[in-house]
Protein backbone atom coordinates (compact mmCIF):
# COMPACT_ATOMS: atom_id res chain seq x y z
CA UNK A 1 -152.89 -8.63 51.95
CA UNK A 2 -155.70 -8.47 49.44
CA UNK A 3 -158.53 -6.02 50.18
CA UNK A 4 -161.16 -8.70 49.54
CA UNK A 5 -159.98 -10.86 52.44
CA UNK A 6 -161.36 -10.68 55.96
CA UNK A 7 -158.93 -11.25 58.79
CA UNK A 8 -160.14 -12.80 62.05
CA UNK A 9 -157.62 -12.64 64.89
CA UNK A 10 -156.12 -15.79 66.29
CA UNK A 11 -156.97 -16.86 69.81
CA UNK A 12 -154.28 -17.60 72.36
CA UNK A 13 -156.07 -20.45 74.08
CA UNK A 14 -159.42 -22.10 73.50
CA UNK A 15 -161.41 -24.03 70.93
CA UNK A 16 -162.07 -23.42 67.26
CA UNK A 17 -164.99 -25.29 65.69
CA UNK A 18 -164.45 -25.40 61.94
CA UNK A 19 -166.34 -26.93 58.99
CA UNK A 20 -169.80 -26.11 60.29
CA UNK A 21 -172.40 -26.14 57.52
CA UNK A 22 -173.19 -22.55 56.49
CA UNK A 23 -175.94 -21.03 58.59
CA UNK A 24 -175.60 -23.41 61.56
CA UNK A 25 -172.74 -21.63 63.34
CA UNK A 26 -175.03 -19.18 65.09
CA UNK A 27 -176.72 -22.06 66.94
CA UNK A 28 -173.44 -23.30 68.47
CA UNK A 29 -172.94 -20.51 71.05
CA UNK A 30 -176.60 -20.81 72.04
CA UNK A 31 -176.42 -24.57 72.71
CA UNK A 32 -173.19 -24.07 74.66
CA UNK A 33 -174.86 -21.47 76.90
CA UNK A 34 -172.94 -18.50 75.52
CA UNK A 35 -174.61 -15.17 74.85
CA UNK A 36 -173.92 -11.46 75.15
CA UNK A 37 -174.53 -11.62 78.91
CA UNK A 38 -172.06 -14.51 79.51
CA UNK A 39 -168.38 -14.04 80.34
CA UNK A 40 -167.36 -16.14 77.33
CA UNK A 41 -165.50 -14.42 74.51
CA UNK A 42 -166.41 -15.96 71.19
CA UNK A 43 -166.45 -15.19 67.49
CA UNK A 44 -168.85 -16.60 64.92
CA UNK A 45 -167.87 -16.36 61.28
CA UNK A 46 -170.81 -17.04 58.98
CA UNK A 47 -170.68 -17.99 55.30
CA UNK A 48 -166.88 -18.05 55.04
CA UNK A 49 -165.51 -19.25 51.72
CA UNK A 50 -164.36 -22.88 51.78
CA UNK A 51 -162.73 -24.79 48.96
CA UNK A 52 -164.08 -28.02 50.44
CA UNK A 53 -167.63 -26.94 51.40
CA UNK A 54 -168.31 -23.86 49.27
CA UNK A 55 -169.39 -21.89 52.35
CA UNK A 56 -168.95 -22.72 56.00
CA UNK A 57 -169.27 -21.27 59.49
CA UNK A 58 -166.52 -21.14 62.10
CA UNK A 59 -166.85 -20.59 65.87
CA UNK A 60 -163.89 -19.51 67.99
CA UNK A 61 -164.20 -19.72 71.79
CA UNK A 62 -161.47 -18.14 73.88
CA UNK A 63 -160.15 -19.74 77.05
CA UNK A 64 -162.45 -22.77 76.93
CA UNK A 65 -162.07 -26.40 75.93
CA UNK A 66 -165.30 -28.16 75.28
CA UNK A 67 -166.38 -31.05 77.46
CA UNK A 68 -167.70 -34.35 76.05
CA UNK A 69 -171.34 -33.36 76.58
CA UNK A 70 -170.72 -30.10 74.71
CA UNK A 71 -168.96 -31.92 71.88
CA UNK A 72 -171.99 -34.22 71.57
CA UNK A 73 -174.24 -31.15 71.26
CA UNK A 74 -171.97 -29.77 68.54
CA UNK A 75 -172.10 -33.14 66.75
CA UNK A 76 -175.91 -32.93 66.69
CA UNK A 77 -175.69 -29.60 64.84
CA UNK A 78 -172.54 -30.09 62.80
CA UNK A 79 -171.63 -33.74 62.34
CA UNK A 80 -168.75 -32.89 59.98
CA UNK A 81 -167.19 -30.24 62.21
CA UNK A 82 -163.55 -30.20 63.17
CA UNK A 83 -162.47 -29.32 66.69
CA UNK A 84 -159.16 -27.52 67.08
CA UNK A 85 -157.74 -27.06 70.56
CA UNK A 86 -155.52 -23.98 70.70
CA UNK A 87 -152.77 -23.41 73.25
CA UNK A 88 -150.44 -20.44 73.04
CA UNK A 89 -151.71 -19.61 69.52
CA UNK A 90 -150.95 -23.11 68.19
CA UNK A 91 -153.22 -26.05 67.35
CA UNK A 92 -152.32 -28.74 69.87
CA UNK A 93 -155.15 -31.16 69.02
CA UNK A 94 -157.30 -31.47 65.93
CA UNK A 95 -160.12 -33.97 65.53
CA UNK A 96 -163.52 -34.49 63.93
CA UNK A 97 -166.58 -34.45 66.16
CA UNK A 98 -168.07 -37.88 66.63
CA UNK A 99 -171.78 -38.35 66.98
CA UNK A 100 -172.17 -41.11 69.60
CA UNK A 101 -174.51 -44.04 68.88
CA UNK A 102 -176.45 -43.22 72.04
CA UNK A 103 -177.30 -39.81 73.48
CA UNK A 104 -178.52 -39.20 77.02
CA UNK A 105 -179.92 -36.13 78.71
CA UNK A 106 -179.37 -33.65 75.87
CA UNK A 107 -182.79 -33.52 74.23
CA UNK A 108 -186.43 -33.76 75.20
CA UNK A 109 -188.63 -36.45 73.68
CA UNK A 110 -191.31 -35.08 71.38
CA UNK A 111 -193.88 -37.55 72.70
CA UNK A 112 -195.76 -35.83 75.55
CA UNK A 113 -196.80 -39.27 76.86
CA UNK A 114 -193.19 -40.54 77.04
CA UNK A 115 -192.05 -41.50 80.56
CA UNK A 116 -189.19 -38.99 80.26
CA UNK A 117 -191.70 -36.15 80.06
CA UNK A 118 -193.76 -37.37 83.00
CA UNK A 119 -191.23 -38.71 85.51
CA UNK A 120 -188.85 -36.11 86.90
CA UNK A 121 -186.26 -38.78 87.66
CA UNK A 122 -186.26 -40.22 84.10
CA UNK A 123 -183.36 -39.15 81.85
CA UNK A 124 -183.99 -38.88 78.13
CA UNK A 125 -182.19 -41.41 76.00
CA UNK A 126 -181.95 -41.58 72.22
CA UNK A 127 -180.35 -43.99 69.76
CA UNK A 128 -178.94 -42.67 66.47
CA UNK A 129 -180.99 -44.40 63.75
CA UNK A 130 -179.41 -42.47 60.87
CA UNK A 131 -176.52 -40.01 60.65
CA UNK A 132 -177.41 -38.57 57.26
CA UNK A 133 -180.10 -37.45 57.42
CA UNK A 134 -179.94 -37.29 61.20
CA UNK A 135 -182.69 -39.31 62.91
CA UNK A 136 -182.79 -40.13 66.60
CA UNK A 137 -185.17 -42.58 68.27
CA UNK A 138 -186.32 -42.37 71.86
CA UNK A 139 -185.12 -45.43 73.76
CA UNK A 140 -188.31 -45.48 75.83
CA UNK A 141 -191.22 -44.79 73.45
CA UNK A 142 -189.51 -45.35 70.05
CA UNK A 143 -190.65 -42.01 68.59
CA UNK A 144 -188.30 -40.63 65.95
CA UNK A 145 -186.89 -37.11 65.89
CA UNK A 146 -185.49 -35.67 62.64
CA UNK A 147 -182.75 -33.11 62.10
CA UNK A 148 -185.11 -30.12 61.84
CA UNK A 149 -186.87 -31.09 65.08
CA UNK A 150 -183.48 -31.45 66.80
CA UNK A 151 -182.28 -28.08 65.49
CA UNK A 152 -185.52 -26.38 66.54
CA UNK A 153 -185.29 -27.86 70.02
CA UNK A 154 -181.64 -26.93 70.50
CA UNK A 155 -182.10 -23.42 69.15
CA UNK A 156 -185.11 -22.87 71.42
CA UNK A 157 -187.71 -22.58 68.64
């Protein structure tokens, strides 16, 4: 093995999120509720060389398959990501994340006057107006949210 290569161990079972735009991989564990205090075992590889993307991030999560809601969160951060399901060290399922046309309950509307911010029983609801650049529109008050606003909200900024 060449000395200029970095080796990251394989996982026995779990999920590998590949093809994340460089710099966005660190947000993924946060939005999935993983941190140093959680029981989850995960690895984040940042700025890995990629022949396709130049540089990319990769997140490996041991012993966990992501649920649909979690995949939707990943799609908001990394719309070109690939999800690999690993079982017994082998990829058993490989697919691209799919950003749904409609997103419910994952984000807060930016409009403080929106019903979803004033009625505890209201669930936020957004329509995808544009995938690139990412723009979501509140289904209730029609306010738009751009990619930076989405990233800031999901990363807790």
